[in-house]
Amino acid sequence: SVPNCPGADDDGSGVAGVLEAARALAMGSFDRTLLVACWDEEELGLLGSKAFADRAATQALDIRGMISAEMIGYADHTPNSQRLPAGFEVLFPDPSFTLAENEYRGDFITVVASSNAADLATALETAGGAMRLPTIRLDVPDGLLNSDVVADLRRSDHAPFWAHGYPAIMLTDSANFRNVAYHCQQGQDTVDRLDDAFTLAVLRATVQAVATTLDVP
């Protein structure tokens, strides 16, 4: 978390989710290898994930997909609780229409994906549908993956993987565009603000999607 902030959503929710996903997935047997990682210093410039991705590229590691659990704990089901970055409607017109139809409720998880992570993104969407978890999918064009035009979509540990051409996804509850206590800007980012049912649905969908993907030779 940032200094002097409890960080329950950012990123206690992601860390707790990753640990529970690891526990659940460890009970399975899969064709592919699963690596579970918690990198440090994300708030200081993605330092931990960048060091890993740089080394992975140097070693030519065959990474078939990466999911960053950015923030997965906050939901708000009231109208107009969801805000959008500037220019969002231009880049993503269909998701923008879906959000407008739902009166801009912050009740969904966002799947932000590179084009080469499409299969994994589809698996997350499918699993989310089975869990009745609203999902907004943002497919970032290849030419914009490393561009400041989508700077708000590159604020987590998936971005260094995009930089090396690896398929990667960010799972996010949209941070400051929904949670007013993001970085403790308007209140404390504490556990009592989180939505356990939402977090559990995100986690179950993630485990299902990862298991499906790991079971492909």
C-alpha atoms as a PDB file:
ATOM      1  CA  SER A   1       0.000   0.000   0.000  1.00  0.00           C
ATOM      2  CA  VAL A   2       0.959   3.645   0.012  1.00  0.00           C
ATOM      3  CA  PRO A   3       2.395   5.003   3.292  1.00  0.00           C
ATOM      4  CA  ASN A   4       0.031   5.610   6.196  1.00  0.00           C
ATOM      5  CA  CYS A   5      -2.887   3.809   4.562  1.00  0.00           C
ATOM      6  CA  PRO A   6      -4.251   0.396   5.646  1.00  0.00           C
ATOM      7  CA  GLY A   7      -4.623  -0.721   2.015  1.00  0.00           C
ATOM      8  CA  ALA A   8      -7.447  -3.202   2.476  1.00  0.00           C
ATOM      9  CA  ASP A   9      -8.575  -2.923  -1.142  1.00  0.00           C
ATOM     10  CA  ASP A  10      -5.257  -1.727  -2.601  1.00  0.00           C
ATOM     11  CA  ASP A  11      -3.957  -4.281  -2.457  1.00  0.00           C
ATOM     12  CA  GLY A  12      -4.889  -6.390   0.542  1.00  0.00           C
ATOM     13  CA  SER A  13      -7.803  -7.752  -1.484  1.00  0.00           C
ATOM     14  CA  GLY A  14      -5.544  -8.859  -4.323  1.00  0.00           C
ATOM     15  CA  VAL A  15      -2.928 -10.401  -2.045  1.00  0.00           C
ATOM     16  CA  ALA A  16      -5.531 -12.317  -0.036  1.00  0.00           C
ATOM     17  CA  GLY A  17      -7.190 -13.433  -3.263  1.00  0.00           C
ATOM     18  CA  VAL A  18      -3.926 -14.666  -4.760  1.00  0.00           C
ATOM     19  CA  LEU A  19      -3.096 -16.670  -1.636  1.00  0.00           C
ATOM     20  CA  GLU A  20      -6.546 -18.289  -1.559  1.00  0.00           C
ATOM     21  CA  ALA A  21      -6.413 -19.009  -5.295  1.00  0.00           C
ATOM     22  CA  ALA A  22      -3.047 -20.691  -4.770  1.00  0.00           C
ATOM     23  CA  ARG A  23      -4.500 -22.845  -2.004  1.00  0.00           C
ATOM     24  CA  ALA A  24      -7.434 -23.923  -4.145  1.00  0.00           C
ATOM     25  CA  LEU A  25      -5.456 -24.515  -7.348  1.00  0.00           C
ATOM     26  CA  ALA A  26      -2.769 -26.496  -5.496  1.00  0.00           C
ATOM     27  CA  MET A  27      -5.362 -29.238  -5.048  1.00  0.00           C
ATOM     28  CA  GLY A  28      -5.546 -29.788  -8.814  1.00  0.00           C
ATOM     29  CA  SER A  29      -3.294 -31.485 -11.324  1.00  0.00           C
ATOM     30  CA  PHE A  30      -2.758 -29.631 -14.595  1.00  0.00           C
ATOM     31  CA  ASP A  31      -0.897 -29.889 -17.878  1.00  0.00           C
ATOM     32  CA  ARG A  32       0.659 -26.459 -17.506  1.00  0.00           C
ATOM     33  CA  THR A  33       2.754 -24.904 -14.739  1.00  0.00           C
ATOM     34  CA  LEU A  34       1.272 -22.304 -12.396  1.00  0.00           C
ATOM     35  CA  LEU A  35       3.525 -19.682 -10.820  1.00  0.00           C
ATOM     36  CA  VAL A  36       2.058 -17.612  -7.977  1.00  0.00           C
ATOM     37  CA  ALA A  37       3.842 -14.362  -7.180  1.00  0.00           C
ATOM     38  CA  CYS A  38       3.413 -11.332  -4.928  1.00  0.00           C
ATOM     39  CA  TRP A  39       5.743  -8.568  -6.131  1.00  0.00           C
ATOM     40  CA  ASP A  40       6.745  -5.602  -4.026  1.00  0.00           C
ATOM     41  CA  GLU A  41       7.133  -1.887  -4.770  1.00  0.00           C
ATOM     42  CA  GLU A  42       4.253  -1.607  -7.222  1.00  0.00           C
ATOM     43  CA  GLU A  43       3.471   1.844  -5.860  1.00  0.00           C
ATOM     44  CA  LEU A  44       7.051   3.006  -6.510  1.00  0.00           C
ATOM     45  CA  GLY A  45       7.003   2.151 -10.209  1.00  0.00           C
ATOM     46  CA  LEU A  46       6.132  -1.555 -10.596  1.00  0.00           C
ATOM     47  CA  LEU A  47       9.691  -2.375  -9.511  1.00  0.00           C
ATOM     48  CA  GLY A  48       9.155  -5.994  -8.441  1.00  0.00           C
ATOM     49  CA  SER A  49       7.120  -7.086 -11.450  1.00  0.00           C
ATOM     50  CA  LYS A  50       9.392  -5.205 -13.839  1.00  0.00           C
ATOM     51  CA  ALA A  51      12.456  -7.003 -12.461  1.00  0.00           C
ATOM     52  CA  PHE A  52      10.702 -10.354 -12.919  1.00  0.00           C
ATOM     53  CA  ALA A  53       9.405  -9.608 -16.418  1.00  0.00           C
ATOM     54  CA  ASP A  54      12.795  -8.310 -17.540  1.00  0.00           C
ATOM     55  CA  ARG A  55      14.476 -11.476 -16.284  1.00  0.00           C
ATOM     56  CA  ALA A  56      11.777 -13.674 -17.826  1.00  0.00           C
ATOM     57  CA  ALA A  57      12.349 -12.055 -21.218  1.00  0.00           C
ATOM     58  CA  THR A  58      16.136 -12.442 -20.912  1.00  0.00           C
ATOM     59  CA  GLN A  59      15.682 -16.134 -20.094  1.00  0.00           C
ATOM     60  CA  ALA A  60      13.049 -16.532 -22.840  1.00  0.00           C
ATOM     61  CA  LEU A  61      10.517 -17.989 -20.408  1.00  0.00           C
ATOM     62  CA  ASP A  62       7.423 -19.368 -22.132  1.00  0.00           C
ATOM     63  CA  ILE A  63       4.690 -17.434 -20.317  1.00  0.00           C
ATOM     64  CA  ARG A  64       1.273 -18.292 -21.771  1.00  0.00           C
ATOM     65  CA  GLY A  65      -0.744 -15.927 -19.611  1.00  0.00           C
ATOM     66  CA  MET A  66      -0.504 -13.639 -16.593  1.00  0.00           C
ATOM     67  CA  ILE A  67      -3.242 -12.228 -14.339  1.00  0.00           C
ATOM     68  CA  SER A  68      -2.619  -9.284 -12.037  1.00  0.00           C
ATOM     69  CA  ALA A  69      -5.095  -9.094  -9.146  1.00  0.00           C
ATOM     70  CA  GLU A  70      -4.873  -5.320  -8.908  1.00  0.00           C
ATOM     71  CA  MET A  71      -7.833  -4.635  -6.618  1.00  0.00           C
ATOM     72  CA  ILE A  72     -10.768  -7.028  -6.296  1.00  0.00           C
ATOM     73  CA  GLY A  73     -12.598  -6.065  -3.106  1.00  0.00           C
ATOM     74  CA  TYR A  74     -14.756  -2.984  -3.626  1.00  0.00           C
ATOM     75  CA  ALA A  75     -18.187  -2.756  -5.236  1.00  0.00           C
ATOM     76  CA  ASP A  76     -20.928  -0.139  -5.134  1.00  0.00           C
ATOM     77  CA  HIS A  77     -24.354  -1.085  -6.472  1.00  0.00           C
ATOM     78  CA  THR A  78     -25.822   2.425  -6.454  1.00  0.00           C
ATOM     79  CA  PRO A  79     -26.326   4.379  -9.700  1.00  0.00           C
ATOM     80  CA  ASN A  80     -23.547   6.776 -10.725  1.00  0.00           C
ATOM     81  CA  SER A  81     -21.039   5.199  -8.347  1.00  0.00           C
ATOM     82  CA  GLN A  82     -18.736   4.375 -11.272  1.00  0.00           C
ATOM     83  CA  ARG A  83     -16.610   7.047 -12.930  1.00  0.00           C
ATOM     84  CA  LEU A  84     -14.644   6.728 -16.174  1.00  0.00           C
ATOM     85  CA  PRO A  85     -11.228   7.974 -17.289  1.00  0.00           C
ATOM     86  CA  ALA A  86     -11.138  10.779 -19.833  1.00  0.00           C
ATOM     87  CA  GLY A  87     -11.562   9.466 -23.370  1.00  0.00           C
ATOM     88  CA  PHE A  88     -12.875   6.072 -22.248  1.00  0.00           C
ATOM     89  CA  GLU A  89     -15.997   6.333 -24.406  1.00  0.00           C
ATOM     90  CA  VAL A  90     -13.881   6.903 -27.526  1.00  0.00           C
ATOM     91  CA  LEU A  91     -11.565   3.945 -26.982  1.00  0.00           C
ATOM     92  CA  PHE A  92     -14.182   1.519 -25.650  1.00  0.00           C
ATOM     93  CA  PRO A  93     -17.628   2.460 -27.016  1.00  0.00           C
ATOM     94  CA  ASP A  94     -19.333  -0.902 -26.379  1.00  0.00           C
ATOM     95  CA  PRO A  95     -18.291  -1.184 -22.709  1.00  0.00           C
ATOM     96  CA  SER A  96     -19.264   2.476 -22.293  1.00  0.00           C
ATOM     97  CA  PHE A  97     -22.759   1.707 -23.609  1.00  0.00           C
ATOM     98  CA  THR A  98     -23.042  -1.250 -21.211  1.00  0.00           C
ATOM     99  CA  LEU A  99     -22.062   0.950 -18.267  1.00  0.00           C
ATOM    100  CA  ALA A 100     -24.564   3.632 -19.274  1.00  0.00           C
ATOM    101  CA  GLU A 101     -27.323   1.029 -19.577  1.00  0.00           C
ATOM    102  CA  ASN A 102     -26.513  -0.074 -16.009  1.00  0.00           C
ATOM    103  CA  GLU A 103     -26.703   3.540 -14.773  1.00  0.00           C
ATOM    104  CA  TYR A 104     -22.959   3.582 -14.063  1.00  0.00           C
ATOM    105  CA  ARG A 105     -23.174   1.205 -11.121  1.00  0.00           C
ATOM    106  CA  GLY A 106     -19.810   0.093  -9.763  1.00  0.00           C
ATOM    107  CA  ASP A 107     -20.865  -3.535  -9.413  1.00  0.00           C
ATOM    108  CA  PHE A 108     -18.538  -5.195 -11.943  1.00  0.00           C
ATOM    109  CA  ILE A 109     -14.981  -6.462 -12.243  1.00  0.00           C
ATOM    110  CA  THR A 110     -12.931  -5.140 -15.142  1.00  0.00           C
ATOM    111  CA  VAL A 111     -10.846  -7.504 -17.282  1.00  0.00           C
ATOM    112  CA  VAL A 112      -8.172  -5.437 -19.022  1.00  0.00           C
ATOM    113  CA  ALA A 113      -6.459  -7.634 -21.615  1.00  0.00           C
ATOM    114  CA  SER A 114      -3.863  -7.587 -24.352  1.00  0.00           C
ATOM    115  CA  SER A 115      -4.979  -9.180 -27.613  1.00  0.00           C
ATOM    116  CA  ASN A 116      -2.742 -12.230 -27.113  1.00  0.00           C
ATOM    117  CA  ALA A 117      -4.498 -12.882 -23.789  1.00  0.00           C
ATOM    118  CA  ALA A 118      -7.918 -13.166 -25.469  1.00  0.00           C
ATOM    119  CA  ASP A 119      -8.435 -16.833 -24.568  1.00  0.00           C
ATOM    120  CA  LEU A 120      -7.736 -16.165 -20.910  1.00  0.00           C
ATOM    121  CA  ALA A 121      -9.988 -13.091 -20.956  1.00  0.00           C
ATOM    122  CA  THR A 122     -12.785 -15.170 -22.490  1.00  0.00           C
ATOM    123  CA  ALA A 123     -12.312 -17.817 -19.803  1.00  0.00           C
ATOM    124  CA  LEU A 124     -12.668 -15.116 -17.129  1.00  0.00           C
ATOM    125  CA  GLU A 125     -15.799 -13.735 -18.801  1.00  0.00           C
ATOM    126  CA  THR A 126     -17.344 -17.199 -19.053  1.00  0.00           C
ATOM    127  CA  ALA A 127     -16.563 -18.051 -15.446  1.00  0.00           C
ATOM    128  CA  GLY A 128     -17.871 -14.665 -14.320  1.00  0.00           C
ATOM    129  CA  GLY A 129     -21.123 -15.294 -16.151  1.00  0.00           C
ATOM    130  CA  ALA A 130     -21.514 -18.624 -14.381  1.00  0.00           C
ATOM    131  CA  MET A 131     -21.021 -16.835 -11.042  1.00  0.00           C
ATOM    132  CA  ARG A 132     -23.458 -14.042 -12.012  1.00  0.00           C
ATOM    133  CA  LEU A 133     -20.552 -11.650 -11.687  1.00  0.00           C
ATOM    134  CA  PRO A 134     -20.903  -8.571 -13.914  1.00  0.00           C
ATOM    135  CA  THR A 135     -17.775  -8.309 -16.046  1.00  0.00           C
ATOM    136  CA  ILE A 136     -16.551  -5.480 -18.247  1.00  0.00           C
ATOM    137  CA  ARG A 137     -13.884  -6.554 -20.725  1.00  0.00           C
ATOM    138  CA  LEU A 138     -11.454  -4.056 -22.186  1.00  0.00           C
ATOM    139  CA  ASP A 139      -9.391  -5.385 -25.096  1.00  0.00           C
ATOM    140  CA  VAL A 140      -6.497  -2.955 -25.457  1.00  0.00           C
ATOM    141  CA  PRO A 141      -5.304  -2.530 -29.066  1.00  0.00           C
ATOM    142  CA  ASP A 142      -1.747  -3.758 -29.635  1.00  0.00           C
ATOM    143  CA  GLY A 143      -0.580  -0.319 -30.705  1.00  0.00           C
ATOM    144  CA  LEU A 144      -1.688   1.224 -27.407  1.00  0.00           C
ATOM    145  CA  LEU A 145      -0.416  -1.368 -24.927  1.00  0.00           C
ATOM    146  CA  ASN A 146       2.648   0.692 -24.029  1.00  0.00           C
ATOM    147  CA  SER A 147       1.164   4.105 -24.751  1.00  0.00           C
ATOM    148  CA  ASP A 148       0.356   6.900 -22.317  1.00  0.00           C
ATOM    149  CA  VAL A 149      -3.026   7.111 -24.061  1.00  0.00           C
ATOM    150  CA  VAL A 150      -4.095   4.203 -21.844  1.00  0.00           C
ATOM    151  CA  ALA A 151      -1.986   5.176 -18.825  1.00  0.00           C
ATOM    152  CA  ASP A 152      -4.867   4.422 -16.445  1.00  0.00           C
ATOM    153  CA  LEU A 153      -4.913   0.836 -17.750  1.00  0.00           C
ATOM    154  CA  ARG A 154      -1.171   0.349 -17.192  1.00  0.00           C
ATOM    155  CA  ARG A 155      -0.996   1.137 -13.481  1.00  0.00           C
ATOM    156  CA  SER A 156      -0.344  -2.388 -12.213  1.00  0.00           C
ATOM    157  CA  ASP A 157       1.993  -5.360 -12.440  1.00  0.00           C
ATOM    158  CA  HIS A 158       0.698  -6.586 -15.800  1.00  0.00           C
ATOM    159  CA  ALA A 159       2.246  -3.608 -17.608  1.00  0.00           C
ATOM    160  CA  PRO A 160       5.867  -4.889 -17.566  1.00  0.00           C
ATOM    161  CA  PHE A 161       4.614  -8.116 -19.145  1.00  0.00           C
ATOM    162  CA  TRP A 162       2.879  -6.139 -21.897  1.00  0.00           C
ATOM    163  CA  ALA A 163       6.177  -4.344 -22.495  1.00  0.00           C
ATOM    164  CA  HIS A 164       7.819  -7.679 -23.313  1.00  0.00           C
ATOM    165  CA  GLY A 165       4.947  -8.959 -25.444  1.00  0.00           C
ATOM    166  CA  TYR A 166       3.653 -11.451 -22.902  1.00  0.00           C
ATOM    167  CA  PRO A 167      -0.122 -12.086 -22.722  1.00  0.00           C
ATOM    168  CA  ALA A 168      -1.322 -10.380 -19.562  1.00  0.00           C
ATOM    169  CA  ILE A 169      -4.525  -9.248 -17.865  1.00  0.00           C
ATOM    170  CA  MET A 170      -5.340  -6.820 -15.079  1.00  0.00           C
ATOM    171  CA  LEU A 171      -8.308  -7.641 -12.870  1.00  0.00           C
ATOM    172  CA  THR A 172      -9.487  -4.470 -11.168  1.00  0.00           C
ATOM    173  CA  ASP A 173     -12.448  -2.988  -9.361  1.00  0.00           C
ATOM    174  CA  SER A 174     -11.307   0.252 -11.053  1.00  0.00           C
ATOM    175  CA  ALA A 175      -9.528   1.834  -8.078  1.00  0.00           C
ATOM    176  CA  ASN A 176     -10.096   5.596  -7.725  1.00  0.00           C
ATOM    177  CA  PHE A 177     -12.782   5.543 -10.408  1.00  0.00           C
ATOM    178  CA  ARG A 178     -15.041   3.798  -7.874  1.00  0.00           C
ATOM    179  CA  ASN A 179     -13.521   3.583  -4.404  1.00  0.00           C
ATOM    180  CA  VAL A 180     -13.332   7.035  -2.798  1.00  0.00           C
ATOM    181  CA  ALA A 181     -10.988   5.620  -0.140  1.00  0.00           C
ATOM    182  CA  TYR A 182      -8.404   4.640  -2.758  1.00  0.00           C
ATOM    183  CA  HIS A 183      -5.007   5.513  -1.265  1.00  0.00           C
ATOM    184  CA  CYS A 184      -7.018   6.856   1.695  1.00  0.00           C
ATOM    185  CA  GLN A 185      -7.869   9.998  -0.282  1.00  0.00           C
ATOM    186  CA  GLN A 186     -11.394  10.283   1.151  1.00  0.00           C
ATOM    187  CA  GLY A 187     -11.444   8.023   4.182  1.00  0.00           C
ATOM    188  CA  GLN A 188      -9.470   4.991   5.263  1.00  0.00           C
ATOM    189  CA  ASP A 189      -9.072   1.980   2.957  1.00  0.00           C
ATOM    190  CA  THR A 190     -10.226  -0.497   5.594  1.00  0.00           C
ATOM    191  CA  VAL A 191     -11.703  -3.997   5.493  1.00  0.00           C
ATOM    192  CA  ASP A 192     -15.170  -2.883   6.616  1.00  0.00           C
ATOM    193  CA  ARG A 193     -15.585  -0.996   3.316  1.00  0.00           C
ATOM    194  CA  LEU A 194     -15.107  -4.112   1.192  1.00  0.00           C
ATOM    195  CA  ASP A 195     -17.795  -6.302  -0.365  1.00  0.00           C
ATOM    196  CA  ASP A 196     -17.098  -9.902   0.616  1.00  0.00           C
ATOM    197  CA  ALA A 197     -19.663 -11.422  -1.752  1.00  0.00           C
ATOM    198  CA  PHE A 198     -18.203  -9.492  -4.693  1.00  0.00           C
ATOM    199  CA  THR A 199     -14.647 -10.473  -3.778  1.00  0.00           C
ATOM    200  CA  LEU A 200     -15.617 -14.129  -3.448  1.00  0.00           C
ATOM    201  CA  ALA A 201     -17.322 -14.117  -6.854  1.00  0.00           C
ATOM    202  CA  VAL A 202     -14.243 -12.565  -8.468  1.00  0.00           C
ATOM    203  CA  LEU A 203     -12.023 -15.129  -6.789  1.00  0.00           C
ATOM    204  CA  ARG A 204     -14.181 -18.103  -7.782  1.00  0.00           C
ATOM    205  CA  ALA A 205     -14.329 -16.913 -11.386  1.00  0.00           C
ATOM    206  CA  THR A 206     -10.562 -16.423 -11.434  1.00  0.00           C
ATOM    207  CA  VAL A 207      -9.841 -19.878 -10.049  1.00  0.00           C
ATOM    208  CA  GLN A 208     -12.212 -21.454 -12.558  1.00  0.00           C
ATOM    209  CA  ALA A 209     -10.684 -19.559 -15.474  1.00  0.00           C
ATOM    210  CA  VAL A 210      -7.118 -20.341 -14.440  1.00  0.00           C
ATOM    211  CA  ALA A 211      -7.916 -24.017 -13.927  1.00  0.00           C
ATOM    212  CA  THR A 212      -9.487 -24.180 -17.385  1.00  0.00           C
ATOM    213  CA  THR A 213      -6.455 -22.534 -18.958  1.00  0.00           C
ATOM    214  CA  LEU A 214      -3.948 -24.695 -17.073  1.00  0.00           C
ATOM    215  CA  ASP A 215      -5.681 -27.828 -18.288  1.00  0.00           C
ATOM    216  CA  VAL A 216      -4.827 -27.163 -21.944  1.00  0.00           C
ATOM    217  CA  PRO A 217      -1.656 -28.903 -23.219  1.00  0.00           C
END
